[in-house]
Amino acid sequence: MTDNVSKIVGAFLKLSQAERRKVVEVVAKLQTAPGALNESRIIKSFGLESMENSTTINFAPIPGGCPTCGK
C-alpha cells in the first residue's frame, strides 16, 4: 500500500459513520462522473466549497522569523 493510500485509509477510519457514508457517496460519484475531473468541478459538484482555498502557505519572511523554527 502506498503512503498516500495509507493516509487516506487512516483518515477514513477516524470518521464517524455518517461521514464515512458521505465519503463513499462522493467517491462513487467521482468514479462514474463523465469527462475530465478537475478540482474546481469536484468542489462545485459535491458541495465541497469549504475546501476551496482552505490551505494557504506563505513562505515570505515575517517579522521575528518563522513561528515554528525561529529562523
Protein backbone atom coordinates (compact mmCIF):
# COMPACT_ATOMS: atom_id res chain seq x y z
CA MET A 1 0.00 0.00 0.00
CA THR A 2 1.39 3.41 -0.90
CA ASP A 3 1.89 6.15 1.66
CA ASN A 4 -0.94 8.21 0.11
CA VAL A 5 -3.37 5.30 0.31
CA SER A 6 -2.35 4.62 3.90
CA LYS A 7 -3.05 8.23 4.84
CA ILE A 8 -6.47 8.17 3.17
CA VAL A 9 -7.46 4.90 4.85
CA GLY A 10 -6.23 6.15 8.22
CA ALA A 11 -8.23 9.37 7.88
CA PHE A 12 -11.30 7.41 6.73
CA LEU A 13 -11.16 5.18 9.81
CA LYS A 14 -11.22 8.26 12.06
CA LEU A 15 -14.52 9.48 10.57
CA SER A 16 -17.95 8.97 12.09
CA GLN A 17 -20.32 6.56 10.36
CA ALA A 18 -22.24 9.46 8.76
CA GLU A 19 -19.00 10.98 7.47
CA ARG A 20 -17.89 7.62 6.08
CA ARG A 21 -21.19 7.24 4.21
CA LYS A 22 -20.73 10.70 2.68
CA VAL A 23 -17.15 9.90 1.59
CA VAL A 24 -18.28 6.64 -0.02
CA GLU A 25 -21.11 8.51 -1.79
CA VAL A 26 -18.74 11.16 -3.16
CA VAL A 27 -16.13 8.60 -4.28
CA ALA A 28 -18.81 6.53 -6.05
CA LYS A 29 -19.99 9.65 -7.91
CA LEU A 30 -16.42 10.57 -8.82
CA GLN A 31 -15.84 7.11 -10.30
CA THR A 32 -18.88 7.34 -12.56
CA ALA A 33 -18.58 11.04 -13.50
CA PRO A 34 -18.25 11.61 -17.24
CA GLY A 35 -15.42 13.68 -18.65
CA ALA A 36 -12.33 15.10 -17.04
CA LEU A 37 -12.48 15.84 -13.35
CA ASN A 38 -10.66 18.91 -12.18
CA GLU A 39 -10.51 20.30 -8.67
CA SER A 40 -12.98 23.15 -9.24
CA ARG A 41 -15.54 20.83 -10.84
CA ILE A 42 -15.30 18.40 -7.93
CA ILE A 43 -15.67 21.22 -5.39
CA LYS A 44 -18.78 22.62 -7.11
CA SER A 45 -20.38 19.27 -7.91
CA PHE A 46 -20.16 17.79 -4.45
CA GLY A 47 -20.75 20.79 -2.19
CA LEU A 48 -17.16 20.98 -1.01
CA GLU A 49 -16.83 24.76 -1.17
CA SER A 50 -15.36 24.77 2.33
CA MET A 51 -12.30 23.01 0.85
CA GLU A 52 -11.71 25.74 -1.73
CA ASN A 53 -8.72 27.85 -0.75
CA SER A 54 -8.66 26.10 2.62
CA THR A 55 -4.89 25.83 2.73
CA THR A 56 -2.67 28.85 2.50
CA ILE A 57 1.07 28.57 2.80
CA ASN A 58 3.09 31.76 2.97
CA PHE A 59 6.83 31.31 2.56
CA ALA A 60 7.59 35.02 2.76
CA PRO A 61 9.75 36.24 5.62
CA ILE A 62 7.80 37.62 8.55
CA PRO A 63 8.96 39.95 11.30
CA GLY A 64 10.52 37.94 14.08
CA GLY A 65 11.11 34.86 11.94
CA CYS A 66 9.27 31.63 11.49
CA PRO A 67 6.93 30.79 14.38
CA THR A 68 7.80 27.11 14.01
CA CYS A 69 11.58 27.02 13.63
CA GLY A 70 12.54 30.56 14.66
CA LYS A 71 14.66 31.20 11.53
